[in-house]
Amino acid sequence: MAQEIRLPKLDMTMKQATIVAWLKKEGEAVRRGEPLLQVETEKAVLEVESPADGVVSKIVAKEGSKVPVDSLIAILA
């Protein structure tokens, strides 16, 4: 079953973030809690962990793109 991955709100004032780097590529397996990508907010560069085990089936938000909080960024299968 596919699971949507959305950009989490990582601090109280965060409204958007820039995707710095995907640490997993499409087709790669990921485990819950494992770093999935790095994002840059106004304050810092942070890692976002995978919320579940699965395989990255689709990366929706490409590196360098700015995305609002709670936007779809990837899909796990």
N, C-alpha and C. Protein backbone atom coordinates (compact mmCIF):
# COMPACT_ATOMS: atom_id res chain seq x y z
N MET A 1 0.84 -1.18 0.00
CA MET A 1 0.00 0.00 0.00
C MET A 1 0.88 1.25 0.00
N ALA A 2 0.59 2.18 -0.83
CA ALA A 2 1.39 3.40 -0.95
C ALA A 2 1.10 4.34 0.23
N GLN A 3 2.14 5.04 0.64
CA GLN A 3 2.00 6.02 1.72
C GLN A 3 2.58 7.34 1.24
N GLU A 4 1.80 8.41 1.40
CA GLU A 4 2.26 9.74 1.04
C GLU A 4 3.21 10.26 2.12
N ILE A 5 4.29 10.88 1.68
CA ILE A 5 5.22 11.54 2.59
C ILE A 5 5.03 13.04 2.38
N ARG A 6 4.72 13.74 3.45
CA ARG A 6 4.49 15.18 3.38
C ARG A 6 5.56 15.90 4.19
N LEU A 7 5.86 17.13 3.79
CA LEU A 7 6.87 17.92 4.49
C LEU A 7 6.35 18.26 5.89
N PRO A 8 7.05 17.78 6.92
CA PRO A 8 6.60 18.07 8.29
C PRO A 8 6.99 19.48 8.72
N LYS A 9 6.26 20.00 9.68
CA LYS A 9 6.59 21.30 10.29
C LYS A 9 7.65 21.01 11.34
N LEU A 10 8.87 21.45 11.10
CA LEU A 10 10.01 21.10 11.94
C LEU A 10 10.30 22.11 13.04
N ASP A 11 9.69 23.28 12.97
CA ASP A 11 9.78 24.24 14.07
C ASP A 11 8.52 25.09 14.07
N MET A 12 8.33 25.84 15.14
CA MET A 12 7.07 26.57 15.34
C MET A 12 6.75 27.58 14.25
N THR A 13 7.77 28.20 13.65
CA THR A 13 7.52 29.26 12.68
C THR A 13 7.68 28.82 11.23
N MET A 14 8.01 27.57 11.02
CA MET A 14 8.28 27.07 9.66
C MET A 14 7.02 27.09 8.80
N LYS A 15 7.13 27.70 7.63
CA LYS A 15 6.02 27.74 6.67
C LYS A 15 6.38 27.02 5.38
N GLN A 16 7.68 26.96 5.07
CA GLN A 16 8.16 26.28 3.88
C GLN A 16 9.61 25.88 4.10
N ALA A 17 10.13 25.06 3.19
CA ALA A 17 11.53 24.64 3.25
C ALA A 17 12.01 24.36 1.84
N THR A 18 13.31 24.38 1.67
CA THR A 18 13.94 24.03 0.39
C THR A 18 14.49 22.61 0.51
N ILE A 19 14.21 21.78 -0.49
CA ILE A 19 14.75 20.43 -0.51
C ILE A 19 16.23 20.56 -0.88
N VAL A 20 17.11 20.21 0.04
CA VAL A 20 18.56 20.31 -0.19
C VAL A 20 19.06 19.06 -0.91
N ALA A 21 18.73 17.88 -0.35
CA ALA A 21 19.22 16.63 -0.94
C ALA A 21 18.33 15.47 -0.50
N TRP A 22 18.09 14.58 -1.43
CA TRP A 22 17.43 13.31 -1.10
C TRP A 22 18.52 12.32 -0.73
N LEU A 23 18.41 11.71 0.44
CA LEU A 23 19.39 10.74 0.90
C LEU A 23 19.06 9.34 0.38
N LYS A 24 17.83 9.16 -0.07
CA LYS A 24 17.39 7.92 -0.72
C LYS A 24 16.85 8.30 -2.09
N LYS A 25 17.11 7.46 -3.06
CA LYS A 25 16.65 7.70 -4.44
C LYS A 25 15.45 6.81 -4.74
N GLU A 26 14.76 7.10 -5.84
CA GLU A 26 13.63 6.26 -6.24
C GLU A 26 14.10 4.83 -6.42
N GLY A 27 13.33 3.89 -5.88
CA GLY A 27 13.66 2.48 -5.97
C GLY A 27 14.44 1.95 -4.79
N GLU A 28 14.93 2.83 -3.92
CA GLU A 28 15.70 2.40 -2.76
C GLU A 28 14.79 2.15 -1.56
N ALA A 29 15.16 1.13 -0.77
CA ALA A 29 14.43 0.82 0.45
C ALA A 29 14.81 1.79 1.55
N VAL A 30 13.85 2.04 2.45
CA VAL A 30 14.09 2.91 3.59
C VAL A 30 13.34 2.31 4.79
N ARG A 31 13.92 2.49 5.97
CA ARG A 31 13.29 2.00 7.20
C ARG A 31 12.76 3.18 8.01
N ARG A 32 11.73 2.92 8.77
CA ARG A 32 11.16 3.96 9.63
C ARG A 32 12.24 4.56 10.52
N GLY A 33 12.30 5.89 10.59
CA GLY A 33 13.29 6.59 11.42
C GLY A 33 14.61 6.86 10.73
N GLU A 34 14.81 6.27 9.56
CA GLU A 34 16.05 6.48 8.80
C GLU A 34 15.98 7.83 8.07
N PRO A 35 17.08 8.58 8.02
CA PRO A 35 17.06 9.85 7.30
C PRO A 35 16.69 9.64 5.83
N LEU A 36 15.73 10.43 5.36
CA LEU A 36 15.21 10.31 4.00
C LEU A 36 15.67 11.47 3.12
N LEU A 37 15.70 12.67 3.68
CA LEU A 37 16.13 13.85 2.92
C LEU A 37 16.59 14.95 3.87
N GLN A 38 17.25 15.95 3.28
CA GLN A 38 17.66 17.13 4.02
C GLN A 38 16.88 18.32 3.48
N VAL A 39 16.41 19.16 4.41
CA VAL A 39 15.70 20.38 4.01
C VAL A 39 16.35 21.58 4.70
N GLU A 40 16.24 22.72 4.06
CA GLU A 40 16.76 23.95 4.63
C GLU A 40 15.59 24.87 4.97
N THR A 41 15.54 25.28 6.24
CA THR A 41 14.54 26.25 6.68
C THR A 41 15.24 27.59 6.82
N GLU A 42 14.54 28.59 7.34
CA GLU A 42 15.16 29.89 7.57
C GLU A 42 16.26 29.80 8.62
N LYS A 43 16.18 28.77 9.47
CA LYS A 43 17.09 28.68 10.61
C LYS A 43 18.20 27.66 10.47
N ALA A 44 17.97 26.57 9.75
CA ALA A 44 18.95 25.49 9.73
C ALA A 44 18.70 24.50 8.61
N VAL A 45 19.68 23.63 8.38
CA VAL A 45 19.52 22.48 7.50
C VAL A 45 19.24 21.28 8.40
N LEU A 46 18.13 20.60 8.13
CA LEU A 46 17.67 19.51 8.99
C LEU A 46 17.40 18.26 8.17
N GLU A 47 17.50 17.10 8.83
CA GLU A 47 17.15 15.84 8.18
C GLU A 47 15.71 15.50 8.50
N VAL A 48 15.01 14.96 7.52
CA VAL A 48 13.65 14.46 7.71
C VAL A 48 13.72 12.95 7.66
N GLU A 49 13.17 12.30 8.68
CA GLU A 49 13.19 10.85 8.77
C GLU A 49 11.97 10.24 8.08
N SER A 50 12.13 9.01 7.64
CA SER A 50 11.03 8.28 7.04
C SER A 50 10.03 7.91 8.13
N PRO A 51 8.73 8.13 7.88
CA PRO A 51 7.72 7.77 8.86
C PRO A 51 7.35 6.29 8.84
N ALA A 52 7.85 5.54 7.86
CA ALA A 52 7.48 4.13 7.73
C ALA A 52 8.54 3.38 6.93
N ASP A 53 8.50 2.05 7.02
CA ASP A 53 9.33 1.20 6.17
C ASP A 53 8.73 1.18 4.77
N GLY A 54 9.57 1.05 3.76
CA GLY A 54 9.06 0.95 2.39
C GLY A 54 10.14 1.18 1.36
N VAL A 55 9.69 1.38 0.15
CA VAL A 55 10.57 1.68 -0.98
C VAL A 55 10.13 3.03 -1.53
N VAL A 56 11.08 3.91 -1.79
CA VAL A 56 10.76 5.21 -2.37
C VAL A 56 10.31 4.97 -3.80
N SER A 57 9.02 5.10 -4.03
CA SER A 57 8.50 4.81 -5.37
C SER A 57 8.45 6.06 -6.25
N LYS A 58 8.27 7.24 -5.64
CA LYS A 58 8.19 8.47 -6.43
C LYS A 58 8.65 9.64 -5.58
N ILE A 59 9.58 10.43 -6.11
CA ILE A 59 9.98 11.69 -5.48
C ILE A 59 9.24 12.79 -6.21
N VAL A 60 8.39 13.50 -5.48
CA VAL A 60 7.55 14.54 -6.07
C VAL A 60 8.26 15.90 -6.04
N ALA A 61 8.89 16.21 -4.91
CA ALA A 61 9.59 17.49 -4.75
C ALA A 61 11.07 17.29 -5.04
N LYS A 62 11.54 17.87 -6.11
CA LYS A 62 12.92 17.71 -6.55
C LYS A 62 13.88 18.57 -5.72
N GLU A 63 15.15 18.19 -5.72
CA GLU A 63 16.18 18.96 -5.02
C GLU A 63 16.19 20.39 -5.54
N GLY A 64 16.29 21.35 -4.62
CA GLY A 64 16.32 22.76 -4.98
C GLY A 64 14.95 23.42 -4.97
N SER A 65 13.88 22.63 -4.88
CA SER A 65 12.54 23.21 -4.90
C SER A 65 12.13 23.65 -3.50
N LYS A 66 11.35 24.75 -3.45
CA LYS A 66 10.80 25.25 -2.19
C LYS A 66 9.38 24.70 -2.09
N VAL A 67 9.08 24.12 -0.94
CA VAL A 67 7.77 23.52 -0.75
C VAL A 67 7.15 23.97 0.57
N PRO A 68 5.84 24.22 0.58
CA PRO A 68 5.15 24.59 1.81
C PRO A 68 5.01 23.39 2.75
N VAL A 69 4.90 23.67 4.04
CA VAL A 69 4.65 22.63 5.03
C VAL A 69 3.41 21.84 4.64
N ASP A 70 3.43 20.56 4.85
CA ASP A 70 2.36 19.61 4.58
C ASP A 70 2.14 19.34 3.10
N SER A 71 3.07 19.76 2.25
CA SER A 71 3.00 19.43 0.82
C SER A 71 3.49 18.01 0.59
N LEU A 72 2.93 17.34 -0.40
CA LEU A 72 3.38 16.02 -0.80
C LEU A 72 4.79 16.13 -1.36
N ILE A 73 5.73 15.35 -0.80
CA ILE A 73 7.10 15.40 -1.30
C ILE A 73 7.58 14.07 -1.89
N ALA A 74 6.94 12.95 -1.46
CA ALA A 74 7.33 11.64 -1.97
C ALA A 74 6.25 10.62 -1.67
N ILE A 75 6.38 9.46 -2.31
CA ILE A 75 5.46 8.35 -2.07
C ILE A 75 6.29 7.10 -1.79
N LEU A 76 5.94 6.41 -0.70
CA LEU A 76 6.56 5.14 -0.36
C LEU A 76 5.63 4.01 -0.76
N ALA A 77 6.21 2.92 -1.24
CA ALA A 77 5.40 1.73 -1.59
C ALA A 77 5.73 0.63 -0.61
